[in-house]
Amino acid sequence: MNLRNEFFVPLAWRIVISAVPFSIGWWMVSRTMITGDANIVMVAIAVVLMTAPGFIIAPPIARFLGNYMGSLFYPDATHVRPPPVYSLPRARRIQGHFEESLALYRKIVEEHPQETQAYLDMLDITIDDLRDFARAEKIAHSAIAVLKSPQDRARIRRRMREGGGEGKTVRDMDEQRLEQDRSENVSFSNCSGP
């Protein structure tokens, strides 16, 4: 709150304006006391003129005190968005509903584009659960393009490297898993039954 413009300037103008009726009322009361001519109408007019400045000066003072006291109960802060709720997408992942979980994480990313944890959780689902490394790369590239913090972008890159082991990219990991699947099929075909 800018005290000068919102409190002191309006109060000063109101004091100057209210000085006129207060002075007239004071003059009327002092005149009736000096002359001893206590006319009830004149005294009533003087009382009204002397109380009017209180009504003129009161609004900025009441506004200042109201804002100050109200800020104790309702702070005048900017609206802060609530943090994202991760419980529902995590529960869907635990239940094995990976696509639903990814959709819920996408909603979190739409509302909170700088939320690194949502991207990391999406990468965990696509790499660990779905084994969809092409989708993981797309998620990682979009996260790196959106995230502003170099530390957050490094976390995304680190997760991509961890997915494929030391020094491997997700694409290398995808190729390695395909070769592993082929070798397992070959080894099972060479086995003879009882």
N, C-alpha and C. Protein backbone atom coordinates (compact mmCIF):
# COMPACT_ATOMS: atom_id res chain seq x y z
N MET A 1 0.85 -1.18 0.00
CA MET A 1 0.00 0.00 0.00
C MET A 1 0.88 1.23 0.00
N ASN A 2 0.63 2.12 -0.93
CA ASN A 2 1.37 3.36 -1.04
C ASN A 2 0.74 4.38 -0.09
N LEU A 3 1.34 4.54 1.09
CA LEU A 3 0.74 5.39 2.13
C LEU A 3 0.60 6.84 1.70
N ARG A 4 1.56 7.33 0.95
CA ARG A 4 1.52 8.73 0.58
C ARG A 4 0.30 9.03 -0.29
N ASN A 5 0.12 8.26 -1.35
CA ASN A 5 -0.98 8.53 -2.29
C ASN A 5 -2.33 8.04 -1.81
N GLU A 6 -2.33 6.96 -1.03
CA GLU A 6 -3.61 6.37 -0.64
C GLU A 6 -4.10 6.81 0.75
N PHE A 7 -3.22 7.40 1.54
CA PHE A 7 -3.64 7.78 2.89
C PHE A 7 -3.37 9.25 3.19
N PHE A 8 -2.12 9.66 3.12
CA PHE A 8 -1.76 11.00 3.58
C PHE A 8 -2.31 12.12 2.69
N VAL A 9 -2.25 11.97 1.37
CA VAL A 9 -2.75 13.03 0.48
C VAL A 9 -4.26 13.20 0.63
N PRO A 10 -5.07 12.14 0.57
CA PRO A 10 -6.51 12.34 0.77
C PRO A 10 -6.85 12.88 2.17
N LEU A 11 -6.09 12.42 3.17
CA LEU A 11 -6.34 12.91 4.53
C LEU A 11 -6.03 14.40 4.64
N ALA A 12 -4.93 14.84 4.04
CA ALA A 12 -4.57 16.26 4.08
C ALA A 12 -5.62 17.12 3.40
N TRP A 13 -6.11 16.69 2.24
CA TRP A 13 -7.15 17.45 1.56
C TRP A 13 -8.43 17.50 2.39
N ARG A 14 -8.77 16.40 3.02
CA ARG A 14 -9.98 16.38 3.83
C ARG A 14 -9.84 17.25 5.08
N ILE A 15 -8.65 17.33 5.65
CA ILE A 15 -8.42 18.20 6.81
C ILE A 15 -8.58 19.66 6.39
N VAL A 16 -8.03 20.02 5.24
CA VAL A 16 -8.16 21.40 4.75
C VAL A 16 -9.63 21.74 4.51
N ILE A 17 -10.33 20.81 3.86
CA ILE A 17 -11.75 21.06 3.56
C ILE A 17 -12.57 21.13 4.85
N SER A 18 -12.28 20.26 5.81
CA SER A 18 -13.08 20.23 7.03
C SER A 18 -12.75 21.37 7.98
N ALA A 19 -11.65 22.07 7.75
CA ALA A 19 -11.31 23.21 8.61
C ALA A 19 -12.33 24.33 8.49
N VAL A 20 -12.93 24.46 7.33
CA VAL A 20 -13.89 25.55 7.10
C VAL A 20 -15.15 25.36 7.97
N PRO A 21 -15.87 24.23 7.90
CA PRO A 21 -17.06 24.13 8.76
C PRO A 21 -16.72 24.11 10.25
N PHE A 22 -15.56 23.50 10.59
CA PHE A 22 -15.17 23.47 12.00
C PHE A 22 -14.92 24.89 12.52
N SER A 23 -14.25 25.71 11.72
CA SER A 23 -13.97 27.10 12.12
C SER A 23 -15.27 27.90 12.28
N ILE A 24 -16.19 27.70 11.35
CA ILE A 24 -17.47 28.42 11.45
C ILE A 24 -18.23 27.97 12.70
N GLY A 25 -18.25 26.66 12.96
CA GLY A 25 -18.92 26.15 14.16
C GLY A 25 -18.26 26.66 15.43
N TRP A 26 -16.95 26.69 15.45
CA TRP A 26 -16.23 27.19 16.62
C TRP A 26 -16.55 28.67 16.84
N TRP A 27 -16.60 29.44 15.77
CA TRP A 27 -16.91 30.86 15.86
C TRP A 27 -18.32 31.05 16.41
N MET A 28 -19.27 30.23 15.96
CA MET A 28 -20.64 30.36 16.43
C MET A 28 -20.75 30.04 17.92
N VAL A 29 -20.05 28.97 18.38
CA VAL A 29 -20.10 28.61 19.80
C VAL A 29 -19.44 29.70 20.63
N SER A 30 -18.29 30.17 20.20
CA SER A 30 -17.60 31.21 20.99
C SER A 30 -18.41 32.51 21.01
N ARG A 31 -19.11 32.84 19.94
CA ARG A 31 -19.93 34.05 19.90
C ARG A 31 -21.09 33.94 20.88
N THR A 32 -21.73 32.76 20.93
CA THR A 32 -22.84 32.59 21.86
C THR A 32 -22.35 32.63 23.30
N MET A 33 -21.14 32.17 23.56
CA MET A 33 -20.62 32.20 24.93
C MET A 33 -20.21 33.61 25.34
N ILE A 34 -19.67 34.36 24.40
CA ILE A 34 -19.24 35.72 24.72
C ILE A 34 -20.45 36.63 24.93
N THR A 35 -21.40 36.53 24.06
CA THR A 35 -22.57 37.42 24.16
C THR A 35 -23.58 36.94 25.18
N GLY A 36 -23.51 35.64 25.52
CA GLY A 36 -24.46 35.10 26.47
C GLY A 36 -25.82 34.86 25.84
N ASP A 37 -25.90 35.01 24.56
CA ASP A 37 -27.13 34.84 23.84
C ASP A 37 -27.19 33.38 23.38
N ALA A 38 -27.67 32.46 24.20
CA ALA A 38 -27.67 31.03 23.93
C ALA A 38 -28.91 30.64 23.14
N ASN A 39 -28.87 30.89 21.87
CA ASN A 39 -29.96 30.53 20.98
C ASN A 39 -29.80 29.04 20.64
N ILE A 40 -30.83 28.25 20.88
CA ILE A 40 -30.76 26.79 20.70
C ILE A 40 -30.52 26.43 19.25
N VAL A 41 -31.07 27.16 18.32
CA VAL A 41 -30.87 26.88 16.90
C VAL A 41 -29.43 27.12 16.51
N MET A 42 -28.87 28.22 17.02
CA MET A 42 -27.48 28.56 16.70
C MET A 42 -26.53 27.52 17.29
N VAL A 43 -26.80 27.05 18.50
CA VAL A 43 -25.96 26.02 19.12
C VAL A 43 -26.07 24.71 18.34
N ALA A 44 -27.27 24.37 17.90
CA ALA A 44 -27.45 23.13 17.13
C ALA A 44 -26.70 23.20 15.80
N ILE A 45 -26.76 24.35 15.14
CA ILE A 45 -26.03 24.51 13.88
C ILE A 45 -24.53 24.45 14.14
N ALA A 46 -24.06 25.03 15.23
CA ALA A 46 -22.64 25.00 15.57
C ALA A 46 -22.18 23.57 15.84
N VAL A 47 -23.00 22.81 16.55
CA VAL A 47 -22.63 21.40 16.84
C VAL A 47 -22.54 20.60 15.54
N VAL A 48 -23.49 20.80 14.64
CA VAL A 48 -23.46 20.09 13.35
C VAL A 48 -22.21 20.48 12.57
N LEU A 49 -21.91 21.78 12.54
CA LEU A 49 -20.73 22.23 11.81
C LEU A 49 -19.43 21.72 12.44
N MET A 50 -19.40 21.52 13.73
CA MET A 50 -18.18 21.04 14.39
C MET A 50 -18.04 19.51 14.30
N THR A 51 -19.15 18.80 14.14
CA THR A 51 -19.05 17.34 14.00
C THR A 51 -18.88 16.91 12.54
N ALA A 52 -19.26 17.73 11.60
CA ALA A 52 -19.13 17.39 10.17
C ALA A 52 -17.68 17.05 9.79
N PRO A 53 -16.67 17.75 10.29
CA PRO A 53 -15.29 17.38 9.93
C PRO A 53 -14.93 15.94 10.31
N GLY A 54 -15.53 15.44 11.37
CA GLY A 54 -15.27 14.04 11.72
C GLY A 54 -15.73 13.10 10.63
N PHE A 55 -16.89 13.38 10.02
CA PHE A 55 -17.39 12.56 8.91
C PHE A 55 -16.58 12.78 7.64
N ILE A 56 -16.02 13.96 7.49
CA ILE A 56 -15.21 14.24 6.30
C ILE A 56 -13.83 13.57 6.42
N ILE A 57 -13.25 13.60 7.61
CA ILE A 57 -11.90 13.06 7.81
C ILE A 57 -11.92 11.53 8.00
N ALA A 58 -13.00 10.98 8.45
CA ALA A 58 -13.06 9.57 8.83
C ALA A 58 -12.77 8.55 7.71
N PRO A 59 -13.28 8.74 6.46
CA PRO A 59 -13.09 7.67 5.46
C PRO A 59 -11.65 7.23 5.21
N PRO A 60 -10.66 8.14 4.99
CA PRO A 60 -9.31 7.62 4.75
C PRO A 60 -8.72 6.93 5.98
N ILE A 61 -9.08 7.43 7.17
CA ILE A 61 -8.56 6.79 8.39
C ILE A 61 -9.19 5.40 8.54
N ALA A 62 -10.50 5.32 8.31
CA ALA A 62 -11.17 4.02 8.41
C ALA A 62 -10.64 3.05 7.35
N ARG A 63 -10.38 3.54 6.13
CA ARG A 63 -9.84 2.68 5.08
C ARG A 63 -8.46 2.16 5.46
N PHE A 64 -7.61 3.05 5.98
CA PHE A 64 -6.26 2.64 6.38
C PHE A 64 -6.31 1.60 7.49
N LEU A 65 -7.10 1.87 8.54
CA LEU A 65 -7.19 0.92 9.65
C LEU A 65 -7.86 -0.38 9.21
N GLY A 66 -8.87 -0.28 8.35
CA GLY A 66 -9.54 -1.48 7.86
C GLY A 66 -8.61 -2.36 7.04
N ASN A 67 -7.83 -1.73 6.16
CA ASN A 67 -6.88 -2.50 5.36
C ASN A 67 -5.82 -3.13 6.25
N TYR A 68 -5.35 -2.38 7.23
CA TYR A 68 -4.31 -2.90 8.12
C TYR A 68 -4.84 -4.06 8.94
N MET A 69 -6.01 -3.88 9.55
CA MET A 69 -6.57 -4.95 10.37
C MET A 69 -7.02 -6.13 9.51
N GLY A 70 -7.58 -5.85 8.34
CA GLY A 70 -8.01 -6.91 7.45
C GLY A 70 -6.85 -7.74 6.92
N SER A 71 -5.70 -7.10 6.74
CA SER A 71 -4.55 -7.84 6.23
C SER A 71 -4.02 -8.84 7.25
N LEU A 72 -4.39 -8.67 8.50
CA LEU A 72 -3.99 -9.66 9.50
C LEU A 72 -4.71 -10.98 9.26
N PHE A 73 -5.97 -10.89 8.82
CA PHE A 73 -6.77 -12.09 8.60
C PHE A 73 -6.76 -12.54 7.14
N TYR A 74 -6.69 -11.58 6.22
CA TYR A 74 -6.68 -11.86 4.79
C TYR A 74 -5.50 -11.14 4.17
N PRO A 75 -4.34 -11.76 4.17
CA PRO A 75 -3.14 -11.08 3.65
C PRO A 75 -3.32 -10.65 2.21
N ASP A 76 -2.80 -9.48 1.92
CA ASP A 76 -2.89 -8.92 0.57
C ASP A 76 -1.70 -9.41 -0.25
N ALA A 77 -1.72 -10.68 -0.59
CA ALA A 77 -0.63 -11.27 -1.37
C ALA A 77 -1.16 -11.64 -2.74
N THR A 78 -0.24 -11.81 -3.67
CA THR A 78 -0.65 -12.23 -5.00
C THR A 78 -1.13 -13.67 -4.93
N HIS A 79 -2.01 -14.00 -5.83
CA HIS A 79 -2.57 -15.36 -5.84
C HIS A 79 -1.48 -16.34 -6.25
N VAL A 80 -1.28 -17.34 -5.44
CA VAL A 80 -0.31 -18.37 -5.73
C VAL A 80 -1.07 -19.63 -6.12
N ARG A 81 -0.70 -20.18 -7.24
CA ARG A 81 -1.37 -21.39 -7.69
C ARG A 81 -1.05 -22.54 -6.74
N PRO A 82 -2.03 -23.36 -6.49
CA PRO A 82 -1.75 -24.51 -5.63
C PRO A 82 -0.79 -25.47 -6.33
N PRO A 83 0.00 -26.17 -5.56
CA PRO A 83 0.94 -27.10 -6.19
C PRO A 83 0.20 -28.25 -6.86
N PRO A 84 0.84 -28.88 -7.82
CA PRO A 84 0.16 -29.98 -8.50
C PRO A 84 -0.06 -31.16 -7.58
N VAL A 85 -1.11 -31.90 -7.86
CA VAL A 85 -1.45 -33.06 -7.06
C VAL A 85 -0.96 -34.30 -7.80
N TYR A 86 -0.02 -34.99 -7.20
CA TYR A 86 0.58 -36.17 -7.82
C TYR A 86 -0.07 -37.48 -7.37
N SER A 87 -0.93 -37.43 -6.40
CA SER A 87 -1.47 -38.68 -5.84
C SER A 87 -2.27 -39.49 -6.85
N LEU A 88 -3.09 -38.83 -7.65
CA LEU A 88 -3.92 -39.56 -8.60
C LEU A 88 -3.10 -40.22 -9.71
N PRO A 89 -2.18 -39.50 -10.38
CA PRO A 89 -1.40 -40.20 -11.41
C PRO A 89 -0.50 -41.30 -10.83
N ARG A 90 0.01 -41.09 -9.63
CA ARG A 90 0.84 -42.13 -9.00
C ARG A 90 -0.01 -43.35 -8.65
N ALA A 91 -1.22 -43.13 -8.20
CA ALA A 91 -2.10 -44.25 -7.88
C ALA A 91 -2.45 -45.02 -9.15
N ARG A 92 -2.70 -44.31 -10.24
CA ARG A 92 -3.00 -44.98 -11.51
C ARG A 92 -1.81 -45.81 -11.98
N ARG A 93 -0.61 -45.31 -11.75
CA ARG A 93 0.58 -46.07 -12.14
C ARG A 93 0.71 -47.34 -11.29
N ILE A 94 0.49 -47.22 -10.00
CA ILE A 94 0.58 -48.38 -9.11
C ILE A 94 -0.45 -49.44 -9.50
N GLN A 95 -1.63 -48.97 -9.93
CA GLN A 95 -2.69 -49.90 -10.34
C GLN A 95 -2.42 -50.52 -11.72
N GLY A 96 -1.40 -50.01 -12.41
CA GLY A 96 -1.07 -50.55 -13.71
C GLY A 96 -1.75 -49.85 -14.87
N HIS A 97 -2.41 -48.74 -14.61
CA HIS A 97 -3.07 -47.96 -15.66
C HIS A 97 -2.10 -46.88 -16.14
N PHE A 98 -1.15 -47.29 -16.95
CA PHE A 98 -0.05 -46.40 -17.32
C PHE A 98 -0.49 -45.28 -18.25
N GLU A 99 -1.36 -45.56 -19.19
CA GLU A 99 -1.81 -44.52 -20.12
C GLU A 99 -2.64 -43.46 -19.39
N GLU A 100 -3.49 -43.89 -18.47
CA GLU A 100 -4.25 -42.92 -17.66
C GLU A 100 -3.32 -42.07 -16.83
N SER A 101 -2.31 -42.71 -16.27
CA SER A 101 -1.34 -41.99 -15.46
C SER A 101 -0.60 -40.95 -16.31
N LEU A 102 -0.21 -41.34 -17.52
CA LEU A 102 0.46 -40.38 -18.42
C LEU A 102 -0.47 -39.22 -18.76
N ALA A 103 -1.74 -39.50 -18.99
CA ALA A 103 -2.70 -38.43 -19.31
C ALA A 103 -2.83 -37.46 -18.14
N LEU A 104 -2.86 -37.98 -16.92
CA LEU A 104 -2.95 -37.11 -15.75
C LEU A 104 -1.67 -36.30 -15.57
N TYR A 105 -0.53 -36.90 -15.86
CA TYR A 105 0.72 -36.15 -15.80
C TYR A 105 0.76 -35.06 -16.87
N ARG A 106 0.18 -35.35 -18.04
CA ARG A 106 0.13 -34.32 -19.09
C ARG A 106 -0.70 -33.13 -18.63
N LYS A 107 -1.78 -33.38 -17.90
CA LYS A 107 -2.59 -32.27 -17.36
C LYS A 107 -1.77 -31.44 -16.39
N ILE A 108 -0.98 -32.11 -15.56
CA ILE A 108 -0.12 -31.39 -14.62
C ILE A 108 0.87 -30.52 -15.38
N VAL A 109 1.46 -31.07 -16.44
CA VAL A 109 2.45 -30.33 -17.22
C VAL A 109 1.80 -29.15 -17.95
N GLU A 110 0.55 -29.32 -18.39
CA GLU A 110 -0.15 -28.21 -19.04
C GLU A 110 -0.40 -27.07 -18.06
N GLU A 111 -0.76 -27.39 -16.82
CA GLU A 111 -1.05 -26.35 -15.83
C GLU A 111 0.22 -25.79 -15.20
N HIS A 112 1.25 -26.63 -15.06
CA HIS A 112 2.51 -26.24 -14.43
C HIS A 112 3.67 -26.66 -15.34
N PRO A 113 3.95 -25.88 -16.38
CA PRO A 113 4.95 -26.30 -17.36
C PRO A 113 6.37 -26.40 -16.80
N GLN A 114 6.65 -25.76 -15.69
CA GLN A 114 7.99 -25.80 -15.10
C GLN A 114 8.14 -26.89 -14.04
N GLU A 115 7.18 -27.76 -13.93
CA GLU A 115 7.18 -28.82 -12.92
C GLU A 115 8.01 -30.00 -13.42
N THR A 116 9.25 -30.07 -12.99
CA THR A 116 10.18 -31.09 -13.46
C THR A 116 9.77 -32.49 -13.04
N GLN A 117 9.23 -32.61 -11.84
CA GLN A 117 8.89 -33.94 -11.33
C GLN A 117 7.86 -34.63 -12.21
N ALA A 118 6.95 -33.89 -12.79
CA ALA A 118 5.94 -34.50 -13.67
C ALA A 118 6.62 -35.09 -14.91
N TYR A 119 7.57 -34.36 -15.47
CA TYR A 119 8.30 -34.89 -16.63
C TYR A 119 9.09 -36.14 -16.24
N LEU A 120 9.73 -36.10 -15.08
CA LEU A 120 10.52 -37.26 -14.64
C LEU A 120 9.63 -38.48 -14.42
N ASP A 121 8.46 -38.26 -13.84
CA ASP A 121 7.54 -39.37 -13.63
C ASP A 121 7.03 -39.92 -14.96
N MET A 122 6.78 -39.03 -15.93
CA MET A 122 6.36 -39.49 -17.25
C MET A 122 7.46 -40.32 -17.90
N LEU A 123 8.70 -39.88 -17.73
CA LEU A 123 9.82 -40.66 -18.27
C LEU A 123 9.92 -42.01 -17.59
N ASP A 124 9.72 -42.03 -16.28
CA ASP A 124 9.76 -43.32 -15.56
C ASP A 124 8.72 -44.28 -16.11
N ILE A 125 7.52 -43.79 -16.36
CA ILE A 125 6.46 -44.66 -16.88
C ILE A 125 6.80 -45.16 -18.27
N THR A 126 7.23 -44.22 -19.15
CA THR A 126 7.48 -44.65 -20.53
C THR A 126 8.71 -45.54 -20.63
N ILE A 127 9.72 -45.32 -19.81
CA ILE A 127 10.93 -46.14 -19.90
C ILE A 127 10.77 -47.44 -19.12
N ASP A 128 10.39 -47.35 -17.87
CA ASP A 128 10.36 -48.54 -17.01
C ASP A 128 9.14 -49.42 -17.21
N ASP A 129 7.98 -48.81 -17.38
CA ASP A 129 6.76 -49.59 -17.43
C ASP A 129 6.33 -49.94 -18.86
N LEU A 130 6.30 -48.94 -19.73
CA LEU A 130 5.82 -49.18 -21.09
C LEU A 130 6.93 -49.62 -22.05
N ARG A 131 8.16 -49.33 -21.70
CA ARG A 131 9.31 -49.64 -22.57
C ARG A 131 9.16 -48.98 -23.94
N ASP A 132 8.56 -47.79 -23.93
CA ASP A 132 8.36 -47.04 -25.17
C ASP A 132 9.41 -45.93 -25.20
N PHE A 133 10.55 -46.25 -25.78
CA PHE A 133 11.68 -45.34 -25.72
C PHE A 133 11.54 -44.18 -26.69
N ALA A 134 10.82 -44.39 -27.77
CA ALA A 134 10.57 -43.29 -28.71
C ALA A 134 9.70 -42.23 -28.04
N ARG A 135 8.69 -42.65 -27.32
CA ARG A 135 7.84 -41.70 -26.60
C ARG A 135 8.63 -41.01 -25.49
N ALA A 136 9.51 -41.76 -24.84
CA ALA A 136 10.34 -41.17 -23.78
C ALA A 136 11.22 -40.07 -24.35
N GLU A 137 11.77 -40.31 -25.54
CA GLU A 137 12.60 -39.27 -26.17
C GLU A 137 11.78 -38.04 -26.48
N LYS A 138 10.55 -38.22 -26.97
CA LYS A 138 9.68 -37.08 -27.27
C LYS A 138 9.37 -36.29 -26.00
N ILE A 139 9.08 -37.00 -24.92
CA ILE A 139 8.79 -36.33 -23.65
C ILE A 139 10.02 -35.57 -23.18
N ALA A 140 11.19 -36.21 -23.28
CA ALA A 140 12.42 -35.56 -22.84
C ALA A 140 12.72 -34.32 -23.66
N HIS A 141 12.54 -34.40 -24.98
CA HIS A 141 12.81 -33.24 -25.83
C HIS A 141 11.84 -32.10 -25.53
N SER A 142 10.57 -32.42 -25.33
CA SER A 142 9.61 -31.36 -25.01
C SER A 142 9.91 -30.76 -23.64
N ALA A 143 10.34 -31.59 -22.69
CA ALA A 143 10.68 -31.07 -21.35
C ALA A 143 11.88 -30.15 -21.42
N ILE A 144 12.90 -30.56 -22.16
CA ILE A 144 14.11 -29.74 -22.28
C ILE A 144 13.79 -28.43 -22.98
N ALA A 145 12.87 -28.46 -23.95
CA ALA A 145 12.50 -27.23 -24.65
C ALA A 145 11.72 -26.27 -23.76
N VAL A 146 10.95 -26.80 -22.82
CA VAL A 146 10.08 -25.96 -21.99
C VAL A 146 10.77 -25.49 -20.71
N LEU A 147 11.53 -26.36 -20.07
CA LEU A 147 12.11 -26.03 -18.78
C LEU A 147 13.14 -24.90 -18.90
N LYS A 148 13.07 -23.97 -17.96
CA LYS A 148 13.97 -22.82 -17.98
C LYS A 148 15.25 -23.07 -17.20
N SER A 149 15.17 -23.85 -16.16
CA SER A 149 16.32 -24.06 -15.28
C SER A 149 17.30 -25.05 -15.90
N PRO A 150 18.59 -24.69 -15.98
CA PRO A 150 19.59 -25.63 -16.49
C PRO A 150 19.69 -26.89 -15.62
N GLN A 151 19.47 -26.74 -14.31
CA GLN A 151 19.53 -27.90 -13.42
C GLN A 151 18.39 -28.87 -13.74
N ASP A 152 17.22 -28.34 -14.03
CA ASP A 152 16.08 -29.20 -14.36
C ASP A 152 16.31 -29.91 -15.69
N ARG A 153 16.84 -29.19 -16.67
CA ARG A 153 17.14 -29.83 -17.95
C ARG A 153 18.19 -30.91 -17.77
N ALA A 154 19.17 -30.68 -16.89
CA ALA A 154 20.20 -31.69 -16.63
C ALA A 154 19.58 -32.92 -15.96
N ARG A 155 18.59 -32.73 -15.09
CA ARG A 155 17.92 -33.87 -14.45
C ARG A 155 17.21 -34.73 -15.49
N ILE A 156 16.58 -34.07 -16.48
CA ILE A 156 15.90 -34.81 -17.54
C ILE A 156 16.93 -35.61 -18.34
N ARG A 157 18.03 -34.97 -18.72
CA ARG A 157 19.07 -35.67 -19.48
C ARG A 157 19.65 -36.83 -18.67
N ARG A 158 19.85 -36.60 -17.37
CA ARG A 158 20.40 -37.65 -16.50
C ARG A 158 19.45 -38.85 -16.45
N ARG A 159 18.16 -38.58 -16.37
CA ARG A 159 17.19 -39.68 -16.33
C ARG A 159 17.20 -40.45 -17.64
N MET A 160 17.38 -39.76 -18.73
CA MET A 160 17.45 -40.44 -20.02
C MET A 160 18.70 -41.31 -20.09
N ARG A 161 19.82 -40.83 -19.57
CA ARG A 161 21.04 -41.65 -19.55
C ARG A 161 20.89 -42.84 -18.61
N GLU A 162 20.25 -42.62 -17.47
CA GLU A 162 20.06 -43.71 -16.51
C GLU A 162 19.17 -44.80 -17.08
N GLY A 163 18.24 -44.40 -17.93
CA GLY A 163 17.35 -45.38 -18.53
C GLY A 163 18.11 -46.38 -19.38
N GLY A 164 19.19 -45.96 -20.01
CA GLY A 164 19.94 -46.85 -20.88
C GLY A 164 21.22 -47.34 -20.26
N GLY A 165 21.46 -47.05 -19.03
CA GLY A 165 22.71 -47.46 -18.42
C GLY A 165 23.76 -46.38 -18.62
N GLU A 166 24.94 -46.61 -18.18
CA GLU A 166 26.00 -45.60 -18.22
C GLU A 166 26.41 -45.28 -19.65
N GLY A 167 26.25 -44.05 -20.03
CA GLY A 167 26.72 -43.58 -21.33
C GLY A 167 25.84 -43.96 -22.50
N LYS A 168 24.73 -44.60 -22.30
CA LYS A 168 23.87 -45.01 -23.40
C LYS A 168 22.67 -44.08 -23.49
N THR A 169 22.23 -43.85 -24.68
CA THR A 169 21.02 -43.07 -24.87
C THR A 169 19.83 -44.01 -24.86
N VAL A 170 18.68 -43.47 -24.87
CA VAL A 170 17.47 -44.29 -24.89
C VAL A 170 17.41 -45.07 -26.20
N ARG A 171 17.84 -44.45 -27.27
CA ARG A 171 17.82 -45.15 -28.56
C ARG A 171 18.76 -46.36 -28.53
N ASP A 172 19.96 -46.17 -27.93
CA ASP A 172 20.88 -47.31 -27.78
C ASP A 172 20.24 -48.40 -26.94
N MET A 173 19.57 -47.97 -25.89
CA MET A 173 18.93 -48.94 -25.01
C MET A 173 17.82 -49.70 -25.74
N ASP A 174 17.09 -49.00 -26.59
CA ASP A 174 16.03 -49.63 -27.37
C ASP A 174 16.61 -50.70 -28.29
N GLU A 175 17.70 -50.35 -28.97
CA GLU A 175 18.34 -51.31 -29.86
C GLU A 175 18.88 -52.50 -29.07
N GLN A 176 19.46 -52.23 -27.90
CA GLN A 176 20.01 -53.31 -27.07
C GLN A 176 18.89 -54.26 -26.61
N ARG A 177 17.75 -53.72 -26.25
CA ARG A 177 16.64 -54.57 -25.81
C ARG A 177 16.10 -55.40 -26.97
N LEU A 178 16.06 -54.82 -28.17
CA LEU A 178 15.61 -55.59 -29.34
C LEU A 178 16.55 -56.76 -29.59
N GLU A 179 17.86 -56.50 -29.51
CA GLU A 179 18.84 -57.58 -29.70
C GLU A 179 18.69 -58.64 -28.60
N GLN A 180 18.44 -58.18 -27.38
CA GLN A 180 18.27 -59.11 -26.26
C GLN A 180 17.03 -59.98 -26.47
N ASP A 181 15.94 -59.37 -26.95
CA ASP A 181 14.73 -60.13 -27.23
C ASP A 181 14.98 -61.17 -28.33
N ARG A 182 15.71 -60.78 -29.37
CA ARG A 182 16.03 -61.72 -30.45
C ARG A 182 16.86 -62.89 -29.95
N SER A 183 17.85 -62.58 -29.08
CA SER A 183 18.71 -63.65 -28.58
C SER A 183 17.93 -64.59 -27.66
N GLU A 184 16.97 -64.04 -26.89
CA GLU A 184 16.15 -64.91 -26.04
C GLU A 184 15.27 -65.81 -26.89
N ASN A 185 14.74 -65.31 -28.00
CA ASN A 185 13.93 -66.15 -28.89
C ASN A 185 14.77 -67.25 -29.51
N VAL A 186 16.00 -66.91 -29.88
CA VAL A 186 16.88 -67.91 -30.49
C VAL A 186 17.25 -68.97 -29.46
N SER A 187 17.56 -68.53 -28.24
CA SER A 187 17.97 -69.49 -27.22
C SER A 187 16.82 -70.42 -26.85
N PHE A 188 15.58 -69.92 -26.86
CA PHE A 188 14.45 -70.78 -26.55
C PHE A 188 14.19 -71.77 -27.68
N SER A 189 14.45 -71.35 -28.92
CA SER A 189 14.20 -72.25 -30.03
C SER A 189 15.24 -73.38 -30.08
N ASN A 190 16.43 -73.15 -29.53
CA ASN A 190 17.46 -74.18 -29.52
C ASN A 190 17.23 -75.21 -28.43
N CYS A 191 16.39 -74.87 -27.44
CA CYS A 191 16.15 -75.80 -26.34
C CYS A 191 15.24 -76.92 -26.80
N SER A 192 15.54 -78.12 -26.40
CA SER A 192 14.67 -79.24 -26.73
C SER A 192 13.86 -79.62 -25.50
N GLY A 193 12.69 -80.00 -25.70
CA GLY A 193 11.79 -80.36 -24.61
C GLY A 193 12.08 -81.72 -24.06
N PRO A 194 11.45 -82.17 -22.96
CA PRO A 194 11.70 -83.49 -22.35
C PRO A 194 11.21 -84.64 -23.16
